N, C-alpha and C. Protein backbone atom coordinates (compact mmCIF):
# COMPACT_ATOMS: atom_id res chain seq x y z
N MET A 1 17.45 -65.38 35.56
CA MET A 1 18.80 -66.23 35.42
C MET A 1 19.58 -65.11 34.20
N VAL A 2 18.43 -64.93 33.14
CA VAL A 2 18.96 -64.21 31.90
C VAL A 2 20.12 -63.10 32.13
N GLU A 3 19.29 -62.40 32.88
CA GLU A 3 20.29 -61.19 33.33
C GLU A 3 21.26 -61.09 33.74
N GLY A 4 21.12 -61.84 35.27
CA GLY A 4 22.44 -62.39 35.99
C GLY A 4 23.39 -62.57 35.43
N ARG A 5 23.22 -63.54 34.58
CA ARG A 5 24.27 -64.14 33.28
C ARG A 5 25.11 -63.12 32.94
N LEU A 6 24.08 -62.12 31.97
CA LEU A 6 24.58 -60.82 31.80
C LEU A 6 25.67 -59.90 32.23
N ASN A 7 24.23 -59.55 33.39
CA ASN A 7 25.69 -58.90 34.86
C ASN A 7 27.46 -59.47 34.86
N GLU A 8 27.27 -61.01 34.99
CA GLU A 8 28.64 -61.40 35.15
C GLU A 8 29.52 -61.58 34.17
N ILE A 9 28.57 -61.57 32.66
CA ILE A 9 29.53 -61.71 31.91
C ILE A 9 30.01 -59.42 31.62
N TRP A 10 28.79 -58.51 31.96
CA TRP A 10 29.86 -56.99 31.70
C TRP A 10 30.43 -57.37 32.74
N VAL A 11 30.94 -57.55 33.64
CA VAL A 11 31.63 -57.45 34.73
C VAL A 11 32.90 -57.68 34.68
N TYR A 12 32.86 -59.22 33.83
CA TYR A 12 33.78 -59.07 33.31
C TYR A 12 35.02 -58.64 32.41
N LEU A 13 33.77 -58.66 30.91
CA LEU A 13 34.72 -57.88 29.99
C LEU A 13 35.28 -56.13 30.62
N ALA A 14 33.91 -55.60 31.60
CA ALA A 14 34.83 -53.97 32.23
C ALA A 14 35.47 -54.12 33.22
N ALA A 15 36.39 -54.98 33.57
CA ALA A 15 37.66 -55.39 34.21
C ALA A 15 38.72 -55.80 33.38
N SER A 16 38.06 -56.06 31.77
CA SER A 16 39.48 -56.16 31.61
C SER A 16 39.50 -55.45 30.05
N PRO A 17 40.70 -56.05 29.49
CA PRO A 17 40.54 -55.03 27.99
C PRO A 17 39.94 -56.24 27.06
N LEU A 18 39.61 -57.54 27.38
CA LEU A 18 38.83 -57.99 26.37
C LEU A 18 37.67 -56.77 26.11
N LEU A 19 36.76 -56.08 27.11
CA LEU A 19 35.53 -55.38 26.29
C LEU A 19 35.72 -54.89 25.14
N TRP A 20 36.76 -53.77 25.52
CA TRP A 20 37.34 -52.76 23.67
C TRP A 20 37.70 -53.32 22.80
N LEU A 21 38.86 -54.19 23.08
CA LEU A 21 38.88 -55.29 22.26
C LEU A 21 37.54 -55.76 21.26
N THR A 22 36.08 -56.64 21.91
CA THR A 22 35.10 -56.36 21.23
C THR A 22 34.66 -56.26 20.51
N ALA A 23 33.97 -54.53 21.11
CA ALA A 23 33.96 -53.86 21.03
C ALA A 23 33.79 -52.97 19.50
N THR A 24 35.27 -53.21 19.23
CA THR A 24 36.00 -52.43 18.38
C THR A 24 35.26 -53.98 17.02
N LEU A 25 36.02 -54.83 17.38
CA LEU A 25 35.40 -56.13 16.26
C LEU A 25 34.20 -56.18 15.70
N THR A 26 33.49 -55.90 17.03
CA THR A 26 31.49 -56.34 16.43
C THR A 26 31.03 -55.00 15.34
N CYS A 27 31.55 -53.82 16.48
CA CYS A 27 31.83 -52.57 14.94
C CYS A 27 32.13 -52.71 13.25
N TYR A 28 33.13 -53.55 13.99
CA TYR A 28 33.53 -53.85 11.96
C TYR A 28 33.09 -54.66 11.48
N LEU A 29 32.37 -56.17 12.69
CA LEU A 29 31.29 -56.55 11.57
C LEU A 29 30.13 -55.66 10.90
N ILE A 30 29.82 -54.99 11.63
CA ILE A 30 28.35 -54.39 11.69
C ILE A 30 29.22 -53.35 10.40
N ALA A 31 29.74 -53.28 10.50
CA ALA A 31 29.95 -52.24 9.44
C ALA A 31 30.27 -53.24 7.70
N LEU A 32 30.71 -54.27 8.67
CA LEU A 32 31.65 -54.58 7.04
C LEU A 32 29.76 -55.57 6.76
N ARG A 33 28.33 -55.56 7.41
CA ARG A 33 27.52 -56.05 7.03
C ARG A 33 26.64 -55.15 5.91
N LEU A 34 26.81 -54.02 6.65
CA LEU A 34 26.51 -53.03 6.01
C LEU A 34 26.69 -52.39 4.40
N TYR A 35 28.05 -52.65 4.46
CA TYR A 35 28.75 -52.47 3.39
C TYR A 35 27.73 -53.60 2.13
N ARG A 36 28.32 -54.85 2.92
CA ARG A 36 27.78 -55.89 1.24
C ARG A 36 26.05 -55.79 1.35
N LEU A 37 25.94 -55.01 2.45
CA LEU A 37 23.78 -54.86 2.24
C LEU A 37 23.66 -54.04 1.66
N ALA A 38 24.75 -53.11 1.08
CA ALA A 38 23.80 -51.44 0.31
C ALA A 38 25.16 -52.23 -0.80
N GLY A 39 25.57 -53.29 -1.30
CA GLY A 39 26.31 -53.50 -2.49
C GLY A 39 27.21 -52.81 -2.47
N SER A 40 28.24 -53.09 -2.06
CA SER A 40 29.82 -52.49 -1.36
C SER A 40 30.23 -51.13 -2.49
N THR A 41 29.42 -50.29 -2.20
CA THR A 41 29.70 -48.81 -2.17
C THR A 41 30.25 -48.15 -1.78
N PRO A 42 31.24 -47.30 -2.00
CA PRO A 42 32.64 -46.72 -0.68
C PRO A 42 31.84 -45.73 0.01
N LEU A 43 30.75 -45.29 -0.77
CA LEU A 43 29.77 -44.60 0.86
C LEU A 43 30.14 -44.87 1.78
N LEU A 44 29.81 -46.51 1.72
CA LEU A 44 29.82 -47.15 3.22
C LEU A 44 30.75 -48.39 3.36
N ASN A 45 32.30 -47.15 3.46
CA ASN A 45 33.26 -48.09 3.73
C ASN A 45 33.48 -48.62 4.85
N PRO A 46 33.29 -50.02 5.76
CA PRO A 46 33.52 -50.07 5.90
C PRO A 46 34.48 -50.12 8.00
N VAL A 47 35.34 -50.08 7.55
CA VAL A 47 37.10 -49.23 8.18
C VAL A 47 36.04 -47.43 8.81
N MET A 48 35.57 -46.89 7.87
CA MET A 48 35.38 -45.54 8.50
C MET A 48 34.00 -45.95 9.71
N VAL A 49 33.32 -46.49 8.62
CA VAL A 49 31.69 -46.68 9.72
C VAL A 49 32.03 -47.24 11.01
N ALA A 50 33.63 -48.33 11.03
CA ALA A 50 33.57 -48.85 12.28
C ALA A 50 33.80 -47.76 13.34
N ILE A 51 34.93 -46.59 12.38
CA ILE A 51 35.22 -45.63 13.30
C ILE A 51 34.20 -44.89 13.77
N ALA A 52 33.44 -44.30 12.88
CA ALA A 52 31.98 -43.25 13.48
C ALA A 52 31.68 -44.81 14.71
N LEU A 53 31.39 -45.98 14.71
CA LEU A 53 30.60 -46.36 15.52
C LEU A 53 31.16 -46.53 16.71
N LEU A 54 32.55 -46.36 17.07
CA LEU A 54 33.32 -46.52 17.74
C LEU A 54 33.34 -45.35 18.45
N ILE A 55 33.04 -43.54 17.65
CA ILE A 55 33.31 -43.12 18.57
C ILE A 55 31.51 -42.56 18.56
N GLY A 56 31.22 -43.08 18.18
CA GLY A 56 29.40 -42.97 19.07
C GLY A 56 29.60 -43.98 20.02
N LEU A 57 30.33 -45.49 20.28
CA LEU A 57 30.05 -45.58 21.60
C LEU A 57 31.55 -45.18 22.54
N LEU A 58 32.08 -44.44 22.18
CA LEU A 58 32.64 -43.83 23.42
C LEU A 58 32.45 -42.79 23.73
N TRP A 59 31.46 -41.91 23.23
CA TRP A 59 30.91 -41.41 23.40
C TRP A 59 29.52 -41.19 24.13
N LEU A 60 28.80 -41.93 24.01
CA LEU A 60 27.72 -42.62 24.35
C LEU A 60 28.37 -43.13 25.80
N THR A 61 29.28 -43.56 26.04
CA THR A 61 29.81 -44.53 27.78
C THR A 61 30.65 -43.81 28.04
N ASP A 62 30.29 -42.04 28.15
CA ASP A 62 31.84 -41.22 28.13
C ASP A 62 32.73 -41.54 28.57
N THR A 63 33.39 -42.68 28.16
CA THR A 63 34.43 -43.55 28.14
C THR A 63 35.80 -42.60 27.15
N PRO A 64 37.12 -42.45 28.21
CA PRO A 64 37.92 -41.45 27.21
C PRO A 64 38.67 -42.71 26.74
N TYR A 65 39.49 -42.05 24.93
CA TYR A 65 40.35 -42.48 24.75
C TYR A 65 41.20 -43.44 25.15
N ARG A 66 42.34 -43.22 26.51
CA ARG A 66 43.37 -43.44 26.40
C ARG A 66 42.77 -45.08 26.98
N THR A 67 41.79 -44.86 27.57
CA THR A 67 41.21 -45.96 28.06
C THR A 67 40.69 -46.77 27.38
N TYR A 68 40.55 -46.77 26.45
CA TYR A 68 39.71 -47.92 25.04
C TYR A 68 41.08 -48.01 24.05
N PHE A 69 41.41 -47.08 24.05
CA PHE A 69 43.94 -47.46 23.18
C PHE A 69 44.04 -48.14 23.80
N ASP A 70 44.03 -48.23 25.31
CA ASP A 70 44.70 -49.30 26.28
C ASP A 70 44.12 -50.96 26.20
N GLY A 71 42.74 -51.07 26.16
CA GLY A 71 42.29 -51.65 26.09
C GLY A 71 41.89 -52.69 24.68
N ALA A 72 42.30 -52.09 23.52
CA ALA A 72 41.61 -52.08 22.52
C ALA A 72 43.34 -52.77 21.71
């Protein structure tokens, strides 16, 4: 039941620009959380960490930057 619903959500997001916008915001929120947990150290600047997470995500999913850029 849950798996079917997740599949529907994935199909919807993959067909729309919302996928990469959602990924960008999620990466930033994760980076912000890490930054705050680390005591706001400049070494974990949320923007830089979010960029690194997005690069990793694009690499893992073999998504061209142009596709990401069009969606985000």
